[in-house]
Amino acid sequence: MLGPFYSSMEVRAYPNIETVDFTGSTNSDLLERASQGAPEGLWLRAKSQGSGRGRNAREWVSNNGNIYTSTIIRLLPHDPPATNIAFVAANVLHQSIAQFLPDKNVLIKWPNDILVDNSKICGILLERNEDAIIMGTGVNLVHSPQNIDRAATSMTELGIDAPDPDEFMHILVENFAYWLRLWRENGFDIIRDYWLKNAHGKGQKIAHKDYVGHFDGIGNDGACLLRLADEEIISIYAGDIFMLD
């Protein structure tokens, strides 16, 4: 049984990947299936979604042609802190996207937005139910939403021949397995090193709510470190940051 969110669709099976024509939200579907015992490593991809969402309950526009997918991570007793997975996911998506855009500035914005030339090309949503974390992502391969409050782009809009979604999915799955294993075997340091190398650099002027300062790296717990004008450093754990000129 695939669950109640599916209707009138073709299902194509790949190893660990289920592809459906339409669903409400791949994250919602896998949260339900995880509660029923679905294993780590299961991926669900929808060609389009009716109720996609991003962080902070934002609607995620989900038209045909892009990637809309989610997977299950089962937390193990000796895993590093679960909050690290936001950065694991960022590294996976950065690596998967950047290989198709070798001449573009592909950047991670804290904690895990992927930007190209300061326009968003990918979003990531993490949700948890007991020992299961659902990592959902939307990647703009052929088009980007125009009715959102920030600049967005797609590979096609950047003048790139976008990969076939099936091809991109297999790259994504392989990269995720690699980075998840690396995190479990080596901890957060190696994850943070790649993240910092490919994120907005230290000294970048950023704003968060009522604070304006300069990015000073990320803490051992993944917090965004914001250095204020008086040299005080505050730790940001949630919410959006905005890069300033």
C-alpha atoms as a PDB file:
ATOM      1  CA  MET A   1       0.000   0.000   0.000  1.00  0.00           C
ATOM      2  CA  LEU A   2       1.303   3.418  -0.916  1.00  0.00           C
ATOM      3  CA  GLY A   3      -0.982   5.351   1.380  1.00  0.00           C
ATOM      4  CA  PRO A   4      -3.917   7.719   1.045  1.00  0.00           C
ATOM      5  CA  PHE A   5      -2.155  10.648  -0.642  1.00  0.00           C
ATOM      6  CA  TYR A   6      -1.841   8.958  -4.012  1.00  0.00           C
ATOM      7  CA  SER A   7      -4.428   8.956  -6.756  1.00  0.00           C
ATOM      8  CA  SER A   8      -4.575   7.790 -10.356  1.00  0.00           C
ATOM      9  CA  MET A   9      -0.873   7.485 -11.132  1.00  0.00           C
ATOM     10  CA  GLU A  10       1.739   5.276 -12.634  1.00  0.00           C
ATOM     11  CA  VAL A  11       4.314   3.956 -10.157  1.00  0.00           C
ATOM     12  CA  ARG A  12       7.757   3.055 -11.488  1.00  0.00           C
ATOM     13  CA  ALA A  13      10.156   1.145  -9.276  1.00  0.00           C
ATOM     14  CA  TYR A  14      13.931   1.626  -9.128  1.00  0.00           C
ATOM     15  CA  PRO A  15      16.129   0.176  -6.400  1.00  0.00           C
ATOM     16  CA  ASN A  16      15.005   2.080  -3.284  1.00  0.00           C
ATOM     17  CA  ILE A  17      13.269   4.748  -5.420  1.00  0.00           C
ATOM     18  CA  GLU A  18       9.539   4.951  -6.003  1.00  0.00           C
ATOM     19  CA  THR A  19       8.376   7.451  -8.625  1.00  0.00           C
ATOM     20  CA  VAL A  20       4.775   8.616  -8.800  1.00  0.00           C
ATOM     21  CA  ASP A  21       3.046  11.052 -11.110  1.00  0.00           C
ATOM     22  CA  PHE A  22       1.417  13.094  -8.351  1.00  0.00           C
ATOM     23  CA  THR A  23       1.034  13.314  -4.598  1.00  0.00           C
ATOM     24  CA  GLY A  24       0.253  15.955  -2.016  1.00  0.00           C
ATOM     25  CA  SER A  25       3.675  16.003  -0.343  1.00  0.00           C
ATOM     26  CA  THR A  26       6.445  13.417  -0.487  1.00  0.00           C
ATOM     27  CA  ASN A  27       7.491  14.450   3.038  1.00  0.00           C
ATOM     28  CA  SER A  28       3.997  13.854   4.415  1.00  0.00           C
ATOM     29  CA  ASP A  29       3.810  10.495   2.678  1.00  0.00           C
ATOM     30  CA  LEU A  30       7.115   9.290   4.081  1.00  0.00           C
ATOM     31  CA  LEU A  31       6.342  10.575   7.575  1.00  0.00           C
ATOM     32  CA  GLU A  32       3.293   8.316   7.504  1.00  0.00           C
ATOM     33  CA  ARG A  33       5.177   5.398   6.051  1.00  0.00           C
ATOM     34  CA  ALA A  34       8.039   5.806   8.519  1.00  0.00           C
ATOM     35  CA  SER A  35       5.519   5.556  11.354  1.00  0.00           C
ATOM     36  CA  GLN A  36       4.444   2.236   9.812  1.00  0.00           C
ATOM     37  CA  GLY A  37       8.013   0.908   9.795  1.00  0.00           C
ATOM     38  CA  ALA A  38       9.349   1.883   6.367  1.00  0.00           C
ATOM     39  CA  PRO A  39      13.148   1.506   6.308  1.00  0.00           C
ATOM     40  CA  GLU A  40      15.996   3.934   5.938  1.00  0.00           C
ATOM     41  CA  GLY A  41      17.031   4.427   2.346  1.00  0.00           C
ATOM     42  CA  LEU A  42      13.544   4.499   0.859  1.00  0.00           C
ATOM     43  CA  TRP A  43      13.116   7.386  -1.582  1.00  0.00           C
ATOM     44  CA  LEU A  44       9.848   8.731  -2.932  1.00  0.00           C
ATOM     45  CA  ARG A  45       9.862  11.027  -5.962  1.00  0.00           C
ATOM     46  CA  ALA A  46       6.777  12.805  -7.324  1.00  0.00           C
ATOM     47  CA  LYS A  47       6.666  14.355 -10.771  1.00  0.00           C
ATOM     48  CA  SER A  48       4.441  17.042  -9.239  1.00  0.00           C
ATOM     49  CA  GLN A  49       2.959  17.830  -5.823  1.00  0.00           C
ATOM     50  CA  GLY A  50      -0.255  19.476  -4.748  1.00  0.00           C
ATOM     51  CA  SER A  51       0.788  20.480  -1.226  1.00  0.00           C
ATOM     52  CA  GLY A  52       4.545  20.871  -1.291  1.00  0.00           C
ATOM     53  CA  ARG A  53       6.040  22.952   1.490  1.00  0.00           C
ATOM     54  CA  GLY A  54       9.332  24.376   2.599  1.00  0.00           C
ATOM     55  CA  ARG A  55      10.761  25.596   5.870  1.00  0.00           C
ATOM     56  CA  ASN A  56       8.639  27.854   8.044  1.00  0.00           C
ATOM     57  CA  ALA A  57       5.469  26.424   6.422  1.00  0.00           C
ATOM     58  CA  ARG A  58       6.175  28.132   3.088  1.00  0.00           C
ATOM     59  CA  GLU A  59       4.426  26.718   0.038  1.00  0.00           C
ATOM     60  CA  TRP A  60       6.807  24.994  -2.365  1.00  0.00           C
ATOM     61  CA  VAL A  61       5.580  25.367  -5.944  1.00  0.00           C
ATOM     62  CA  SER A  62       5.747  21.926  -7.548  1.00  0.00           C
ATOM     63  CA  ASN A  63       5.200  21.859 -11.300  1.00  0.00           C
ATOM     64  CA  ASN A  64       6.287  19.093 -13.668  1.00  0.00           C
ATOM     65  CA  GLY A  65       9.913  18.851 -14.732  1.00  0.00           C
ATOM     66  CA  ASN A  66      11.717  19.500 -11.468  1.00  0.00           C
ATOM     67  CA  ILE A  67      12.789  17.159  -8.665  1.00  0.00           C
ATOM     68  CA  TYR A  68      10.460  16.688  -5.684  1.00  0.00           C
ATOM     69  CA  THR A  69      11.668  13.886  -3.481  1.00  0.00           C
ATOM     70  CA  SER A  70      12.041  12.703   0.114  1.00  0.00           C
ATOM     71  CA  THR A  71      13.915   9.954   1.917  1.00  0.00           C
ATOM     72  CA  ILE A  72      13.972   8.327   5.352  1.00  0.00           C
ATOM     73  CA  ILE A  73      16.926   8.384   7.748  1.00  0.00           C
ATOM     74  CA  ARG A  74      16.653   6.129  10.793  1.00  0.00           C
ATOM     75  CA  LEU A  75      18.689   7.502  13.687  1.00  0.00           C
ATOM     76  CA  LEU A  76      21.013   4.922  15.251  1.00  0.00           C
ATOM     77  CA  PRO A  77      22.094   4.845  18.921  1.00  0.00           C
ATOM     78  CA  HIS A  78      25.653   5.995  18.238  1.00  0.00           C
ATOM     79  CA  ASP A  79      24.932   8.515  15.490  1.00  0.00           C
ATOM     80  CA  PRO A  80      26.305  12.060  15.850  1.00  0.00           C
ATOM     81  CA  PRO A  81      23.707  14.713  16.795  1.00  0.00           C
ATOM     82  CA  ALA A  82      20.659  14.655  14.536  1.00  0.00           C
ATOM     83  CA  THR A  83      20.915  18.422  13.948  1.00  0.00           C
ATOM     84  CA  ASN A  84      23.974  17.696  11.785  1.00  0.00           C
ATOM     85  CA  ILE A  85      21.741  16.168   9.109  1.00  0.00           C
ATOM     86  CA  ALA A  86      20.757  19.630   7.869  1.00  0.00           C
ATOM     87  CA  PHE A  87      24.395  20.096   6.838  1.00  0.00           C
ATOM     88  CA  VAL A  88      24.750  16.576   5.469  1.00  0.00           C
ATOM     89  CA  ALA A  89      21.764  17.360   3.238  1.00  0.00           C
ATOM     90  CA  ALA A  90      23.271  20.697   2.186  1.00  0.00           C
ATOM     91  CA  ASN A  91      26.499  19.006   1.122  1.00  0.00           C
ATOM     92  CA  VAL A  92      24.625  16.329  -0.815  1.00  0.00           C
ATOM     93  CA  LEU A  93      22.536  18.830  -2.759  1.00  0.00           C
ATOM     94  CA  HIS A  94      25.448  21.181  -3.354  1.00  0.00           C
ATOM     95  CA  GLN A  95      27.592  18.392  -4.764  1.00  0.00           C
ATOM     96  CA  SER A  96      24.750  16.974  -6.867  1.00  0.00           C
ATOM     97  CA  ILE A  97      23.852  20.348  -8.397  1.00  0.00           C
ATOM     98  CA  ALA A  98      27.345  21.836  -8.767  1.00  0.00           C
ATOM     99  CA  GLN A  99      28.550  19.061 -11.053  1.00  0.00           C
ATOM    100  CA  PHE A 100      26.073  20.280 -13.681  1.00  0.00           C
ATOM    101  CA  LEU A 101      27.058  23.942 -13.220  1.00  0.00           C
ATOM    102  CA  PRO A 102      30.878  23.946 -13.291  1.00  0.00           C
ATOM    103  CA  ASP A 103      31.084  27.545 -14.461  1.00  0.00           C
ATOM    104  CA  LYS A 104      28.562  28.956 -11.983  1.00  0.00           C
ATOM    105  CA  ASN A 105      28.865  30.170  -8.404  1.00  0.00           C
ATOM    106  CA  VAL A 106      26.937  27.454  -6.550  1.00  0.00           C
ATOM    107  CA  LEU A 107      26.746  28.477  -2.898  1.00  0.00           C
ATOM    108  CA  ILE A 108      25.290  27.082   0.321  1.00  0.00           C
ATOM    109  CA  LYS A 109      23.392  29.603   2.453  1.00  0.00           C
ATOM    110  CA  TRP A 110      22.964  28.704   6.103  1.00  0.00           C
ATOM    111  CA  PRO A 111      21.740  26.232   6.913  1.00  0.00           C
ATOM    112  CA  ASN A 112      20.977  24.422   3.666  1.00  0.00           C
ATOM    113  CA  ASP A 113      19.611  26.584   0.862  1.00  0.00           C
ATOM    114  CA  ILE A 114      21.486  26.171  -2.422  1.00  0.00           C
ATOM    115  CA  LEU A 115      21.976  29.374  -4.404  1.00  0.00           C
ATOM    116  CA  VAL A 116      23.340  30.054  -7.871  1.00  0.00           C
ATOM    117  CA  ASP A 117      24.338  33.664  -8.468  1.00  0.00           C
ATOM    118  CA  ASN A 118      22.348  34.539  -5.316  1.00  0.00           C
ATOM    119  CA  SER A 119      19.134  32.931  -6.621  1.00  0.00           C
ATOM    120  CA  LYS A 120      17.650  29.871  -4.957  1.00  0.00           C
ATOM    121  CA  ILE A 121      17.801  26.666  -6.995  1.00  0.00           C
ATOM    122  CA  CYS A 122      17.059  24.154  -4.260  1.00  0.00           C
ATOM    123  CA  GLY A 123      15.240  23.925  -0.945  1.00  0.00           C
ATOM    124  CA  ILE A 124      15.476  21.317   1.810  1.00  0.00           C
ATOM    125  CA  LEU A 125      12.922  20.428   4.471  1.00  0.00           C
ATOM    126  CA  LEU A 126      13.722  18.159   7.440  1.00  0.00           C
ATOM    127  CA  GLU A 127      10.972  16.715   9.631  1.00  0.00           C
ATOM    128  CA  ARG A 128      11.227  14.198  12.458  1.00  0.00           C
ATOM    129  CA  ASN A 129       8.997  11.509  13.903  1.00  0.00           C
ATOM    130  CA  GLU A 130      10.675   9.616  16.778  1.00  0.00           C
ATOM    131  CA  ASP A 131      13.788   7.907  15.325  1.00  0.00           C
ATOM    132  CA  ALA A 132      12.918   8.778  11.716  1.00  0.00           C
ATOM    133  CA  ILE A 133      14.038  11.950   9.968  1.00  0.00           C
ATOM    134  CA  ILE A 134      12.478  12.741   6.620  1.00  0.00           C
ATOM    135  CA  MET A 135      14.691  14.761   4.302  1.00  0.00           C
ATOM    136  CA  GLY A 136      12.722  16.351   1.486  1.00  0.00           C
ATOM    137  CA  THR A 137      14.115  18.444  -1.309  1.00  0.00           C
ATOM    138  CA  GLY A 138      12.961  20.324  -4.371  1.00  0.00           C
ATOM    139  CA  VAL A 139      15.483  21.043  -7.122  1.00  0.00           C
ATOM    140  CA  ASN A 140      14.694  23.445  -9.947  1.00  0.00           C
ATOM    141  CA  LEU A 141      15.872  21.621 -13.042  1.00  0.00           C
ATOM    142  CA  VAL A 142      13.753  23.242 -15.755  1.00  0.00           C
ATOM    143  CA  HIS A 143      11.794  26.085 -14.158  1.00  0.00           C
ATOM    144  CA  SER A 144      11.579  28.138 -10.981  1.00  0.00           C
ATOM    145  CA  PRO A 145       8.640  29.648  -9.079  1.00  0.00           C
ATOM    146  CA  GLN A 146       7.976  33.304  -9.749  1.00  0.00           C
ATOM    147  CA  ASN A 147       5.454  34.057  -6.987  1.00  0.00           C
ATOM    148  CA  ILE A 148       7.808  33.853  -3.998  1.00  0.00           C
ATOM    149  CA  ASP A 149       9.505  36.469  -1.848  1.00  0.00           C
ATOM    150  CA  ARG A 150      13.052  35.751  -3.032  1.00  0.00           C
ATOM    151  CA  ALA A 151      14.983  35.322  -6.263  1.00  0.00           C
ATOM    152  CA  ALA A 152      14.845  31.821  -7.725  1.00  0.00           C
ATOM    153  CA  THR A 153      16.352  30.126 -10.757  1.00  0.00           C
ATOM    154  CA  SER A 154      16.643  26.782 -12.516  1.00  0.00           C
ATOM    155  CA  MET A 155      19.298  25.007 -14.563  1.00  0.00           C
ATOM    156  CA  THR A 156      17.392  25.717 -17.763  1.00  0.00           C
ATOM    157  CA  GLU A 157      17.050  29.415 -16.893  1.00  0.00           C
ATOM    158  CA  LEU A 158      20.810  29.473 -16.324  1.00  0.00           C
ATOM    159  CA  GLY A 159      21.366  28.267 -19.896  1.00  0.00           C
ATOM    160  CA  ILE A 160      22.231  24.706 -18.877  1.00  0.00           C
ATOM    161  CA  ASP A 161      20.824  21.545 -20.430  1.00  0.00           C
ATOM    162  CA  ALA A 162      19.152  20.143 -17.342  1.00  0.00           C
ATOM    163  CA  PRO A 163      19.738  16.457 -16.611  1.00  0.00           C
ATOM    164  CA  ASP A 164      16.959  13.948 -16.990  1.00  0.00           C
ATOM    165  CA  PRO A 165      15.154  13.712 -13.615  1.00  0.00           C
ATOM    166  CA  ASP A 166      15.815   9.971 -13.411  1.00  0.00           C
ATOM    167  CA  GLU A 167      19.531  10.582 -13.948  1.00  0.00           C
ATOM    168  CA  PHE A 168      19.585  13.312 -11.312  1.00  0.00           C
ATOM    169  CA  MET A 169      17.746  11.075  -8.833  1.00  0.00           C
ATOM    170  CA  HIS A 170      20.345   8.340  -9.085  1.00  0.00           C
ATOM    171  CA  ILE A 171      23.156  10.854  -8.570  1.00  0.00           C
ATOM    172  CA  LEU A 172      21.307  12.296  -5.582  1.00  0.00           C
ATOM    173  CA  VAL A 173      20.718   8.889  -4.004  1.00  0.00           C
ATOM    174  CA  GLU A 174      24.352   7.849  -4.436  1.00  0.00           C
ATOM    175  CA  ASN A 175      25.659  11.127  -3.018  1.00  0.00           C
ATOM    176  CA  PHE A 176      23.303  10.958  -0.050  1.00  0.00           C
ATOM    177  CA  ALA A 177      24.429   7.425   0.828  1.00  0.00           C
ATOM    178  CA  TYR A 178      28.055   8.577   0.617  1.00  0.00           C
ATOM    179  CA  TRP A 179      27.654  11.645   2.860  1.00  0.00           C
ATOM    180  CA  LEU A 180      25.441   9.859   5.382  1.00  0.00           C
ATOM    181  CA  ARG A 181      28.044   7.116   5.757  1.00  0.00           C
ATOM    182  CA  LEU A 182      30.825   9.713   6.036  1.00  0.00           C
ATOM    183  CA  TRP A 183      28.904  11.497   8.815  1.00  0.00           C
ATOM    184  CA  ARG A 184      28.278   8.290  10.741  1.00  0.00           C
ATOM    185  CA  GLU A 185      31.867   7.131  10.492  1.00  0.00           C
ATOM    186  CA  ASN A 186      33.677  10.464  10.994  1.00  0.00           C
ATOM    187  CA  GLY A 187      31.301  12.845  12.756  1.00  0.00           C
ATOM    188  CA  PHE A 188      30.507  16.475  12.042  1.00  0.00           C
ATOM    189  CA  ASP A 189      33.987  17.914  11.396  1.00  0.00           C
ATOM    190  CA  ILE A 190      34.328  16.537   7.871  1.00  0.00           C
ATOM    191  CA  ILE A 191      30.778  17.634   7.077  1.00  0.00           C
ATOM    192  CA  ARG A 192      31.455  21.132   8.373  1.00  0.00           C
ATOM    193  CA  ASP A 193      34.718  21.431   6.414  1.00  0.00           C
ATOM    194  CA  TYR A 194      32.980  20.842   3.068  1.00  0.00           C
ATOM    195  CA  TRP A 195      30.069  23.058   4.076  1.00  0.00           C
ATOM    196  CA  LEU A 196      32.331  25.987   5.001  1.00  0.00           C
ATOM    197  CA  LYS A 197      34.358  25.604   1.814  1.00  0.00           C
ATOM    198  CA  ASN A 198      31.216  25.946  -0.285  1.00  0.00           C
ATOM    199  CA  ALA A 199      29.135  28.396   1.768  1.00  0.00           C
ATOM    200  CA  HIS A 200      29.145  32.179   2.030  1.00  0.00           C
ATOM    201  CA  GLY A 201      32.532  33.014   3.479  1.00  0.00           C
ATOM    202  CA  LYS A 202      33.493  34.347   6.864  1.00  0.00           C
ATOM    203  CA  GLY A 203      33.039  38.093   6.921  1.00  0.00           C
ATOM    204  CA  GLN A 204      29.937  38.003   4.724  1.00  0.00           C
ATOM    205  CA  LYS A 205      27.545  40.684   5.969  1.00  0.00           C
ATOM    206  CA  ILE A 206      24.276  39.075   7.017  1.00  0.00           C
ATOM    207  CA  ALA A 207      21.067  39.987   8.789  1.00  0.00           C
ATOM    208  CA  HIS A 208      18.846  37.943  11.079  1.00  0.00           C
ATOM    209  CA  LYS A 209      15.679  39.480  12.514  1.00  0.00           C
ATOM    210  CA  ASP A 210      16.894  42.620  14.349  1.00  0.00           C
ATOM    211  CA  TYR A 211      20.592  41.748  14.098  1.00  0.00           C
ATOM    212  CA  VAL A 212      23.077  42.790  11.436  1.00  0.00           C
ATOM    213  CA  GLY A 213      26.653  41.607  11.505  1.00  0.00           C
ATOM    214  CA  HIS A 214      29.181  39.372   9.790  1.00  0.00           C
ATOM    215  CA  PHE A 215      29.172  35.603   9.357  1.00  0.00           C
ATOM    216  CA  ASP A 216      31.770  33.991  11.617  1.00  0.00           C
ATOM    217  CA  GLY A 217      31.359  30.319  10.755  1.00  0.00           C
ATOM    218  CA  ILE A 218      29.214  27.616  12.327  1.00  0.00           C
ATOM    219  CA  GLY A 219      29.487  26.104  15.769  1.00  0.00           C
ATOM    220  CA  ASN A 220      29.944  22.467  16.704  1.00  0.00           C
ATOM    221  CA  ASP A 221      26.174  22.280  16.984  1.00  0.00           C
ATOM    222  CA  GLY A 222      25.601  23.850  13.556  1.00  0.00           C
ATOM    223  CA  ALA A 223      24.571  27.263  14.874  1.00  0.00           C
ATOM    224  CA  CYS A 224      25.227  30.222  12.600  1.00  0.00           C
ATOM    225  CA  LEU A 225      27.740  32.474  14.356  1.00  0.00           C
ATOM    226  CA  LEU A 226      27.006  36.160  13.831  1.00  0.00           C
ATOM    227  CA  ARG A 227      29.671  38.693  14.828  1.00  0.00           C
ATOM    228  CA  LEU A 228      28.166  42.050  15.766  1.00  0.00           C
ATOM    229  CA  ALA A 229      29.823  45.448  15.428  1.00  0.00           C
ATOM    230  CA  ASP A 230      30.967  45.340  19.066  1.00  0.00           C
ATOM    231  CA  GLU A 231      32.622  41.926  18.420  1.00  0.00           C
ATOM    232  CA  GLU A 232      29.990  40.049  20.396  1.00  0.00           C
ATOM    233  CA  ILE A 233      29.172  36.725  18.717  1.00  0.00           C
ATOM    234  CA  ILE A 234      25.634  35.429  18.881  1.00  0.00           C
ATOM    235  CA  SER A 235      24.473  31.944  17.895  1.00  0.00           C
ATOM    236  CA  ILE A 236      21.507  31.575  15.558  1.00  0.00           C
ATOM    237  CA  TYR A 237      19.664  28.265  15.613  1.00  0.00           C
ATOM    238  CA  ALA A 238      16.533  28.927  13.562  1.00  0.00           C
ATOM    239  CA  GLY A 239      15.007  31.313  11.074  1.00  0.00           C
ATOM    240  CA  ASP A 240      16.257  32.901   7.890  1.00  0.00           C
ATOM    241  CA  ILE A 241      19.437  34.832   7.377  1.00  0.00           C
ATOM    242  CA  PHE A 242      19.816  37.342   4.575  1.00  0.00           C
ATOM    243  CA  MET A 243      23.087  38.122   2.833  1.00  0.00           C
ATOM    244  CA  LEU A 244      23.773  41.843   2.461  1.00  0.00           C
ATOM    245  CA  ASP A 245      26.140  43.692   0.144  1.00  0.00           C
END
